[in-house]
Amino acid sequence: MCKHILGIDISKSTFDIALLDDDDNFATGQFKNSQHGVRSLQKWLQNRGVKALHACMEATGRYGNDLAAFLVDEGYDVSMVNPARIRAYGQSKLMRTKTDKTDAMLIADFCATQSPSLWKKPSVYRSELQSLTRYLDDLKKARNQEMNRNQSGVPSAAVRRAIQEHIDFLNQQIKEVKKEIKDLIDSDEENRVQFELLTSIPGIGFVTAATFLAEVPNISDFPQARHLASYAGLCPKHHQSGSSVRKKARLAKTGNPYLRKTFYMPAIAILRGHNPLIQPLIERMQQDGRKPMVIVGAVMRKLLHLAYGVLKTGKPFDPNYLSGTVSA
């Protein structure tokens, strides 16, 4: 059976497609990013006799999730690819034209030649948890914006009063969403146990643990902790050429931004406090003269490794692990 390749360039309101057949011929189209547009795509594929299909799109947040889920439900293969990979692939082909149509064709070509791994449709539980934790992040961003505005010296008393009312409203919303998240986690025994394992690590609190469970599909999908660090974009990126070019190492940031972001504040808290398994790393890096943000990145990565460890072993964090003693 001929297996077609479908490249999809997704945006908020529309998505462009490029259908590649075995003869390297393209058929292109554009549809509304809505339920009506998805049904139109289904009819478009049926009219072309498409039976087997491998669809590929960039992992650009929420805009493509419904379309990806629909395609999986229809029995098609789907890949969600880091945009950096598509961009690098286009650069390797010396692409000079960039439109939604050519982007869809590029994604189809990438899919045909690189055979990216298949995307797994998240469970209803994980989809709900992810929606809640991401909405909580949005609410906290909005609150920070209002608090900054309130502290900037607004001269109008009426405006200050309105800002404070909005902050109070956001605080209430944050409280309610946190309760929804806690109730959802408590409703599933496996996730409740994993949540307790994660929060046993000093520095990892409610939000970080919940976001971890929402953004990491399955810990068993990662053979080693470094694979999880790569998924989060917490691996160092080095730039060295010959003996003269030696740029400072920095985080690659080509991974899940929500997972990466949620480990930032815990890392800052640990730098101000104490974690027996991380403190030697901090002290060593400080003695080596490493920049503060480099140390923060290393602490974030170490925390992620610890999270991986407690979930893999099924045992809570043990502060006496390195000394070989067993905690009571």
Protein backbone atom coordinates (compact mmCIF):
# COMPACT_ATOMS: atom_id res chain seq x y z
CA MET A 1 0.00 0.00 0.00
CA CYS A 2 1.30 3.46 -0.93
CA LYS A 3 1.99 5.45 2.20
CA HIS A 4 1.56 9.17 1.72
CA ILE A 5 3.48 11.81 3.66
CA LEU A 6 1.62 14.88 4.90
CA GLY A 7 3.53 17.98 5.97
CA ILE A 8 1.48 20.40 8.08
CA ASP A 9 2.42 24.00 8.84
CA ILE A 10 0.16 24.99 11.70
CA SER A 11 -0.86 28.45 12.91
CA LYS A 12 -3.54 29.86 15.17
CA SER A 13 -6.20 30.38 12.51
CA THR A 14 -5.18 28.15 9.58
CA PHE A 15 -2.96 25.23 8.65
CA ASP A 16 -1.25 24.59 5.32
CA ILE A 17 -0.66 21.05 4.08
CA ALA A 18 1.58 19.40 1.51
CA LEU A 19 0.79 15.81 0.52
CA LEU A 20 3.76 13.88 -0.87
CA ASP A 21 3.23 10.61 -2.75
CA ASP A 22 5.69 7.88 -3.79
CA ASP A 23 6.45 9.69 -7.04
CA ASP A 24 7.62 12.79 -5.10
CA ASN A 25 4.63 14.81 -6.30
CA PHE A 26 3.07 17.43 -4.01
CA ALA A 27 -0.57 18.36 -3.57
CA THR A 28 -1.09 21.41 -1.38
CA GLY A 29 -3.98 23.11 0.38
CA GLN A 30 -4.99 25.37 3.23
CA PHE A 31 -7.72 24.85 5.84
CA LYS A 32 -9.19 26.69 8.81
CA ASN A 33 -7.72 25.57 12.13
CA SER A 34 -11.14 24.53 13.43
CA GLN A 35 -13.37 21.47 13.57
CA HIS A 36 -14.81 22.46 10.20
CA GLY A 37 -11.30 22.72 8.75
CA VAL A 38 -10.37 19.30 10.14
CA ARG A 39 -13.46 17.74 8.53
CA SER A 40 -12.57 19.45 5.26
CA LEU A 41 -9.08 17.94 5.45
CA GLN A 42 -10.61 14.51 6.03
CA LYS A 43 -12.72 14.87 2.88
CA TRP A 44 -9.69 16.23 0.95
CA LEU A 45 -7.67 13.13 1.86
CA GLN A 46 -10.55 10.78 1.01
CA ASN A 47 -10.99 12.39 -2.42
CA ARG A 48 -7.33 11.58 -3.15
CA GLY A 49 -7.69 7.98 -2.08
CA VAL A 50 -5.33 8.31 0.89
CA LYS A 51 -5.37 5.16 3.02
CA ALA A 52 -1.99 5.02 4.78
CA LEU A 53 -0.51 8.31 5.95
CA HIS A 54 2.36 9.66 8.02
CA ALA A 55 1.58 13.25 9.03
CA CYS A 56 4.23 15.53 10.46
CA MET A 57 4.02 18.95 12.08
CA GLU A 58 6.07 21.18 14.34
CA ALA A 59 5.48 21.00 18.08
CA THR A 60 4.38 24.61 18.52
CA GLY A 61 2.11 24.44 21.54
CA ARG A 62 -1.64 23.95 21.56
CA TYR A 63 -2.57 24.94 18.02
CA GLY A 64 -1.89 21.52 16.48
CA ASN A 65 -2.99 19.23 19.31
CA ASP A 66 -6.60 18.75 18.18
CA LEU A 67 -5.55 18.08 14.58
CA ALA A 68 -2.88 15.61 15.68
CA ALA A 69 -5.37 13.79 17.93
CA PHE A 70 -7.89 13.60 15.08
CA LEU A 71 -5.33 12.10 12.70
CA VAL A 72 -4.31 9.49 15.26
CA ASP A 73 -7.97 8.59 15.85
CA GLU A 74 -8.32 8.11 12.08
CA GLY A 75 -5.53 5.52 12.23
CA TYR A 76 -2.79 7.66 10.72
CA ASP A 77 0.79 7.97 11.98
CA VAL A 78 1.66 11.40 13.39
CA SER A 79 4.98 13.00 14.34
CA MET A 80 5.35 16.22 16.36
CA VAL A 81 8.85 17.57 15.69
CA ASN A 82 10.89 20.22 17.47
CA PRO A 83 10.82 23.35 15.24
CA ALA A 84 14.61 23.65 15.57
CA ARG A 85 15.02 20.38 13.66
CA ILE A 86 12.84 21.59 10.79
CA ARG A 87 14.65 24.93 10.71
CA ALA A 88 18.06 23.23 10.60
CA TYR A 89 16.85 20.87 7.89
CA GLY A 90 15.70 23.81 5.78
CA GLN A 91 19.07 25.52 6.24
CA SER A 92 20.85 22.35 5.13
CA LYS A 93 18.83 22.46 1.90
CA LEU A 94 19.67 26.16 1.39
CA MET A 95 16.00 27.15 1.44
CA ARG A 96 15.57 30.76 0.28
CA THR A 97 11.79 31.01 0.11
CA LYS A 98 9.67 30.90 3.23
CA THR A 99 5.90 30.79 3.00
CA ASP A 100 3.32 28.66 4.77
CA LYS A 101 3.08 26.50 1.64
CA THR A 102 6.84 25.97 1.29
CA ASP A 103 7.10 25.29 5.04
CA ALA A 104 4.51 22.52 4.70
CA MET A 105 6.45 21.06 1.77
CA LEU A 106 9.68 21.23 3.77
CA ILE A 107 8.07 19.42 6.72
CA ALA A 108 6.79 16.70 4.37
CA ASP A 109 10.26 16.30 2.87
CA PHE A 110 11.78 16.14 6.36
CA CYS A 111 9.29 13.45 7.37
CA ALA A 112 10.02 11.38 4.24
CA THR A 113 13.80 11.49 4.62
CA GLN A 114 14.29 11.57 8.41
CA SER A 115 11.53 9.21 9.63
CA PRO A 116 10.82 11.06 12.90
CA SER A 117 9.47 9.13 15.89
CA LEU A 118 5.72 8.84 16.25
CA TRP A 119 3.67 11.03 18.57
CA LYS A 120 1.52 9.37 21.20
CA LYS A 121 -1.87 10.84 21.91
CA PRO A 122 -1.98 11.85 25.59
CA SER A 123 -4.53 10.26 27.86
CA VAL A 124 -7.61 12.24 28.87
CA TYR A 125 -6.10 12.49 32.36
CA ARG A 126 -2.77 13.89 31.20
CA SER A 127 -4.43 16.25 28.74
CA GLU A 128 -6.57 17.66 31.57
CA LEU A 129 -3.59 17.98 33.92
CA GLN A 130 -1.54 19.70 31.22
CA SER A 131 -4.36 22.16 30.50
CA LEU A 132 -4.68 23.02 34.18
CA THR A 133 -0.95 23.47 34.87
CA ARG A 134 -0.45 25.58 31.75
CA TYR A 135 -3.46 27.73 32.65
CA LEU A 136 -2.03 28.13 36.15
CA ASP A 137 1.18 29.40 34.56
CA ASP A 138 -0.84 31.90 32.48
CA LEU A 139 -2.65 33.15 35.58
CA LYS A 140 0.62 33.66 37.46
CA LYS A 141 2.06 35.58 34.51
CA ALA A 142 -1.00 37.85 34.47
CA ARG A 143 -0.72 38.41 38.23
CA ASN A 144 2.97 39.33 37.96
CA GLN A 145 2.16 41.82 35.21
CA GLU A 146 -0.49 43.48 37.36
CA MET A 147 1.76 43.52 40.42
CA ASN A 148 4.55 45.15 38.42
CA ARG A 149 2.08 47.70 37.08
CA ASN A 150 0.85 48.42 40.60
CA GLN A 151 4.43 48.95 41.82
CA SER A 152 5.38 51.24 38.96
CA GLY A 153 3.80 54.30 40.57
CA VAL A 154 0.39 54.61 38.89
CA PRO A 155 -0.86 58.14 39.76
CA SER A 156 -4.58 57.39 39.44
CA ALA A 157 -6.24 56.04 42.58
CA ALA A 158 -9.05 54.58 40.47
CA VAL A 159 -6.57 52.66 38.34
CA ARG A 160 -4.69 51.41 41.40
CA ARG A 161 -7.96 50.22 42.87
CA ALA A 162 -8.89 48.41 39.64
CA ILE A 163 -5.45 46.79 39.46
CA GLN A 164 -5.72 45.55 43.05
CA GLU A 165 -9.19 44.13 42.36
CA HIS A 166 -7.76 42.29 39.37
CA ILE A 167 -4.89 40.95 41.48
CA ASP A 168 -7.36 39.74 44.12
CA PHE A 169 -9.40 38.04 41.40
CA LEU A 170 -6.31 36.36 39.95
CA ASN A 171 -5.23 35.18 43.40
CA GLN A 172 -8.63 33.54 43.84
CA GLN A 173 -8.42 31.94 40.39
CA ILE A 174 -4.93 30.61 41.16
CA LYS A 175 -6.19 29.12 44.42
CA GLU A 176 -9.10 27.41 42.66
CA VAL A 177 -6.98 26.03 39.81
CA LYS A 178 -4.44 24.66 42.30
CA LYS A 179 -7.28 22.85 44.07
CA GLU A 180 -8.46 21.42 40.73
CA ILE A 181 -4.92 20.17 40.05
CA LYS A 182 -4.60 18.63 43.54
CA ASP A 183 -7.99 16.91 43.24
CA LEU A 184 -7.06 15.54 39.82
CA ILE A 185 -3.73 14.17 41.04
CA ASP A 186 -5.38 12.60 44.09
CA SER A 187 -7.95 10.91 41.84
CA ASP A 188 -5.26 8.72 40.22
CA GLU A 189 -3.25 6.44 42.52
CA GLU A 190 -0.18 6.14 40.26
CA ASN A 191 0.12 9.88 39.75
CA ARG A 192 -0.53 10.58 43.44
CA VAL A 193 2.39 8.31 44.38
CA GLN A 194 4.63 9.92 41.77
CA PHE A 195 3.64 13.37 43.03
CA GLU A 196 4.65 12.39 46.57
CA LEU A 197 7.98 11.01 45.30
CA LEU A 198 8.74 14.24 43.45
CA THR A 199 7.85 16.49 46.39
CA SER A 200 10.15 14.45 48.65
CA ILE A 201 13.05 16.21 46.88
CA PRO A 202 14.04 19.45 48.68
CA GLY A 203 13.23 22.36 46.39
CA ILE A 204 10.51 20.62 44.37
CA GLY A 205 7.10 21.86 45.43
CA PHE A 206 3.51 21.57 44.33
CA VAL A 207 3.71 23.45 41.02
CA THR A 208 6.96 21.85 39.85
CA ALA A 209 5.78 18.32 40.66
CA ALA A 210 2.40 18.84 38.99
CA THR A 211 3.99 20.38 35.88
CA PHE A 212 6.46 17.50 35.69
CA LEU A 213 3.62 14.96 35.72
CA ALA A 214 1.75 16.98 33.08
CA GLU A 215 4.67 17.47 30.69
CA VAL A 216 6.56 14.16 30.95
CA PRO A 217 4.50 11.54 29.10
CA ASN A 218 6.04 8.46 30.71
CA ILE A 219 9.29 8.21 32.65
CA SER A 220 9.92 4.78 31.12
CA ASP A 221 10.20 6.46 27.70
CA PHE A 222 13.59 7.83 28.78
CA PRO A 223 16.32 5.16 29.11
CA GLN A 224 18.60 7.50 31.07
CA ALA A 225 18.31 10.79 32.94
CA ARG A 226 20.29 12.59 30.25
CA HIS A 227 17.56 11.75 27.74
CA LEU A 228 15.02 13.46 29.99
CA ALA A 229 17.35 16.47 30.33
CA SER A 230 17.54 16.65 26.55
CA TYR A 231 13.73 16.48 26.32
CA ALA A 232 13.56 19.46 28.70
CA GLY A 233 16.25 21.43 26.83
CA LEU A 234 18.54 21.40 29.86
CA CYS A 235 21.62 20.00 28.16
CA PRO A 236 24.61 22.35 27.77
CA LYS A 237 25.36 23.60 24.27
CA HIS A 238 29.05 23.98 23.48
CA HIS A 239 30.55 26.01 20.63
CA GLN A 240 34.20 25.31 19.90
CA SER A 241 36.15 25.43 16.65
CA GLY A 242 39.89 24.93 16.42
CA SER A 243 41.99 26.61 19.06
CA SER A 244 40.62 30.14 18.79
CA VAL A 245 36.82 29.86 18.91
CA ARG A 246 35.60 28.89 22.38
CA LYS A 247 32.24 30.41 23.19
CA LYS A 248 30.64 30.11 26.60
CA ALA A 249 28.49 27.03 27.11
CA ARG A 250 24.77 27.68 27.53
CA LEU A 251 21.56 25.71 27.72
CA ALA A 252 20.42 24.28 24.41
CA LYS A 253 16.76 25.19 25.14
CA THR A 254 15.60 22.93 22.30
CA GLY A 255 13.11 21.04 24.43
CA ASN A 256 9.85 21.32 26.33
CA PRO A 257 9.73 24.95 27.57
CA TYR A 258 7.13 24.30 30.29
CA LEU A 259 9.20 21.53 31.85
CA ARG A 260 12.38 23.60 31.64
CA LYS A 261 10.77 26.71 33.11
CA THR A 262 9.26 24.94 36.11
CA PHE A 263 12.73 23.96 37.39
CA TYR A 264 14.05 27.52 37.37
CA MET A 265 12.58 28.82 40.64
CA PRO A 266 13.42 25.60 42.57
CA ALA A 267 17.02 25.99 41.38
CA ILE A 268 17.08 29.58 42.64
CA ALA A 269 15.65 28.45 45.99
CA ILE A 270 18.34 25.76 46.33
CA LEU A 271 21.08 28.30 45.61
CA ARG A 272 19.73 30.30 48.56
CA GLY A 273 19.18 27.25 50.75
CA HIS A 274 20.68 23.79 50.99
CA ASN A 275 20.33 20.39 49.32
CA PRO A 276 22.94 17.83 50.46
CA LEU A 277 23.17 16.18 47.03
CA ILE A 278 23.47 19.44 45.10
CA GLN A 279 25.48 21.66 47.44
CA PRO A 280 28.86 20.08 46.50
CA LEU A 281 28.12 20.78 42.82
CA ILE A 282 27.33 24.43 43.58
CA GLU A 283 30.45 24.91 45.68
CA ARG A 284 32.68 23.29 43.07
CA MET A 285 31.29 25.46 40.28
CA GLN A 286 31.62 28.60 42.39
CA GLN A 287 35.26 27.76 43.12
CA ASP A 288 35.85 27.28 39.38
CA GLY A 289 34.54 30.82 38.80
CA ARG A 290 31.44 29.77 36.86
CA LYS A 291 28.87 32.45 36.08
CA PRO A 292 25.72 32.49 38.26
CA MET A 293 23.39 31.55 35.38
CA VAL A 294 25.64 28.63 34.41
CA ILE A 295 25.34 27.35 37.96
CA VAL A 296 21.55 27.82 37.87
CA GLY A 297 21.39 25.72 34.69
CA ALA A 298 23.49 22.98 36.28
CA VAL A 299 21.26 22.94 39.39
CA MET A 300 18.13 22.73 37.21
CA ARG A 301 19.65 19.76 35.39
CA LYS A 302 20.66 18.07 38.66
CA LEU A 303 17.15 18.52 40.07
CA LEU A 304 15.73 16.93 36.94
CA HIS A 305 18.13 14.00 37.38
CA LEU A 306 16.95 13.59 40.98
CA ALA A 307 13.32 13.64 39.83
CA TYR A 308 14.15 10.97 37.28
CA GLY A 309 15.87 8.92 39.98
CA VAL A 310 13.01 8.88 42.50
CA LEU A 311 10.47 7.97 39.82
CA LYS A 312 12.65 5.25 38.30
CA THR A 313 13.40 3.63 41.66
CA GLY A 314 10.03 4.30 43.22
CA LYS A 315 11.81 5.47 46.37
CA PRO A 316 11.60 8.95 47.95
CA PHE A 317 14.58 11.27 48.14
CA ASP A 318 17.14 10.15 50.74
CA PRO A 319 19.43 12.93 52.05
CA ASN A 320 21.81 10.28 53.45
CA TYR A 321 22.22 8.47 50.13
CA LEU A 322 25.82 9.58 49.55
CA SER A 323 26.92 8.68 53.07
CA GLY A 324 25.64 5.15 52.68
CA THR A 325 23.33 5.42 55.70
CA VAL A 326 19.67 4.70 55.69
CA SER A 327 17.25 7.38 56.78
CA ALA A 328 14.72 6.52 59.45
